[in-house]
Amino acid sequence: MSPETKSPYSVLIRSQEGLSLLEIVIAMAVVFLAVLGFAGFSVVAHTGMSASEKMTRAVTLAQDKIEDVKREGVPPGLISSWTHMEPYGTIVGALHHQRTLSITPDDPMPGLHTVTVNVQWDNGAHTTSLTTYLTQE
């Protein structure tokens, strides 16, 4: 082979030069941005899970109270609306929730009582409520 003719394998021979400082800085910036992006997703995911956990707890607290009223029955002789509130810090296992039970007798018709449980959390920023109807036993 003449010196002017290049071998087909000459393309595969790598340069013995290392990476430049600029290439290293760019690679580090790309890795940093990727890690920062994943950290941001982690915060968003954690916030979403926390919010859904509080909502689930609130619905469970409301359902538990309705089940208590079903088991114990509507207070006998109830002739006007009755409300009982459990303030923040008094519900075991749910210190950041407030629960209010309301019973309205003979609504929507005689002998049928409306039972509503309203649960608030985050100092009233969020709320959910469940309603059912019970007869006097």
Protein backbone atom coordinates (compact mmCIF):
# COMPACT_ATOMS: atom_id res chain seq x y z
CA MET A 1 0.00 0.00 0.00
CA SER A 2 1.22 3.39 -0.83
CA PRO A 3 1.46 6.05 1.92
CA GLU A 4 -1.32 8.01 0.24
CA THR A 5 -3.75 5.10 0.42
CA LYS A 6 -5.54 4.86 3.75
CA SER A 7 -6.48 1.61 5.32
CA PRO A 8 -10.23 1.05 5.88
CA TYR A 9 -9.39 0.45 9.53
CA SER A 10 -7.87 3.86 10.04
CA VAL A 11 -11.33 5.26 10.80
CA LEU A 12 -11.61 2.95 13.79
CA ILE A 13 -8.41 4.20 15.37
CA ARG A 14 -9.32 6.62 18.15
CA SER A 15 -7.51 9.77 18.89
CA GLN A 16 -5.36 9.61 21.95
CA GLU A 17 -6.51 13.04 23.04
CA GLY A 18 -8.72 13.27 26.18
CA LEU A 19 -11.91 15.21 26.72
CA SER A 20 -11.67 18.95 26.81
CA LEU A 21 -12.69 20.91 29.89
CA LEU A 22 -15.62 22.37 27.98
CA GLU A 23 -16.97 18.90 27.14
CA ILE A 24 -16.73 17.85 30.78
CA VAL A 25 -18.53 21.00 31.98
CA ILE A 26 -21.34 20.49 29.43
CA ALA A 27 -21.73 16.82 30.44
CA MET A 28 -21.89 17.80 34.12
CA ALA A 29 -24.52 20.46 33.35
CA VAL A 30 -26.67 17.93 31.50
CA VAL A 31 -26.44 15.46 34.41
CA PHE A 32 -27.20 18.23 36.92
CA LEU A 33 -30.30 19.32 34.99
CA ALA A 34 -31.52 15.73 34.78
CA VAL A 35 -31.08 15.20 38.53
CA LEU A 36 -32.78 18.52 39.26
CA GLY A 37 -35.71 17.51 37.06
CA PHE A 38 -36.13 14.21 38.89
CA ALA A 39 -35.99 16.02 42.24
CA GLY A 40 -38.78 18.33 41.07
CA PHE A 41 -40.94 15.36 40.07
CA SER A 42 -40.28 13.82 43.48
CA VAL A 43 -41.57 16.93 45.29
CA VAL A 44 -44.69 17.06 43.10
CA ALA A 45 -45.35 13.35 43.65
CA HIS A 46 -44.91 13.69 47.43
CA THR A 47 -47.28 16.69 47.55
CA GLY A 48 -49.89 14.81 45.54
CA MET A 49 -49.64 11.76 47.77
CA SER A 50 -49.96 13.91 50.88
CA ALA A 51 -53.09 15.62 49.53
CA SER A 52 -54.69 12.32 48.54
CA GLU A 53 -53.84 10.83 51.94
CA LYS A 54 -55.62 13.72 53.71
CA MET A 55 -58.65 13.39 51.42
CA THR A 56 -58.82 9.64 52.02
CA ARG A 57 -58.57 10.19 55.77
CA ALA A 58 -61.36 12.80 55.62
CA VAL A 59 -63.72 10.50 53.71
CA THR A 60 -62.92 7.66 56.13
CA LEU A 61 -63.64 9.93 59.14
CA ALA A 62 -66.98 10.94 57.63
CA GLN A 63 -67.94 7.34 56.85
CA ASP A 64 -66.93 6.21 60.36
CA LYS A 65 -69.20 8.84 61.94
CA ILE A 66 -72.13 7.87 59.70
CA GLU A 67 -71.62 4.24 60.70
CA ASP A 68 -71.63 5.30 64.38
CA VAL A 69 -74.99 7.05 63.90
CA LYS A 70 -76.41 4.03 62.05
CA ARG A 71 -75.31 1.74 64.89
CA GLU A 72 -76.46 4.02 67.75
CA GLY A 73 -79.50 5.42 65.96
CA VAL A 74 -80.82 8.96 65.78
CA PRO A 75 -81.22 10.51 69.26
CA PRO A 76 -84.82 9.81 70.41
CA GLY A 77 -87.19 12.75 70.61
CA LEU A 78 -85.17 14.88 68.21
CA ILE A 79 -87.49 17.63 66.94
CA SER A 80 -85.03 20.18 65.58
CA SER A 81 -81.67 20.13 63.83
CA TRP A 82 -78.81 18.90 65.98
CA THR A 83 -75.08 19.55 65.35
CA HIS A 84 -71.96 18.28 67.06
CA MET A 85 -68.45 19.45 66.12
CA GLU A 86 -65.15 17.74 66.90
CA PRO A 87 -62.52 20.53 66.58
CA TYR A 88 -59.00 20.22 65.23
CA GLY A 89 -56.71 18.21 67.48
CA THR A 90 -59.46 16.13 69.12
CA ILE A 91 -59.85 13.28 66.62
CA VAL A 92 -57.43 10.47 67.38
CA GLY A 93 -55.23 9.75 64.36
CA ALA A 94 -56.46 12.83 62.51
CA LEU A 95 -55.22 15.85 64.43
CA HIS A 96 -55.36 18.08 61.33
CA HIS A 97 -59.03 17.35 60.64
CA GLN A 98 -62.25 18.80 62.04
CA ARG A 99 -65.52 16.85 61.86
CA THR A 100 -69.08 18.15 62.17
CA LEU A 101 -72.12 15.88 62.45
CA SER A 102 -75.54 17.33 61.64
CA ILE A 103 -78.88 15.54 61.98
CA THR A 104 -82.06 17.12 60.64
CA PRO A 105 -85.21 15.27 61.70
CA ASP A 106 -88.18 14.69 59.40
CA ASP A 107 -86.25 15.84 56.35
CA PRO A 108 -87.02 15.31 53.48
CA MET A 109 -90.20 13.67 54.81
CA PRO A 110 -91.71 12.68 58.18
CA GLY A 111 -89.88 9.76 59.80
CA LEU A 112 -86.79 10.19 57.62
CA HIS A 113 -83.77 12.03 59.02
CA THR A 114 -80.92 13.61 57.08
CA VAL A 115 -77.49 12.81 58.54
CA THR A 116 -74.57 14.85 57.19
CA VAL A 117 -70.92 14.66 58.21
CA ASN A 118 -68.66 17.49 57.09
CA VAL A 119 -64.88 17.07 57.45
CA GLN A 120 -62.41 19.93 57.01
CA TRP A 121 -58.62 19.87 56.99
CA ASP A 122 -55.73 22.27 56.52
CA ASN A 123 -57.55 24.87 58.63
CA GLY A 124 -60.65 24.80 56.46
CA ALA A 125 -58.81 25.05 53.13
CA HIS A 126 -60.32 21.71 52.07
CA THR A 127 -63.60 20.04 52.90
CA THR A 128 -65.65 16.98 52.08
CA SER A 129 -69.02 15.79 53.27
CA LEU A 130 -71.16 12.68 53.19
CA THR A 131 -74.94 12.58 53.58
CA THR A 132 -77.30 9.70 54.26
CA TYR A 133 -80.93 9.28 55.33
CA LEU A 134 -82.02 7.23 58.33
CA THR A 135 -85.35 6.27 59.86
CA GLN A 136 -86.09 6.45 63.57
CA GLU A 137 -85.94 2.97 65.08
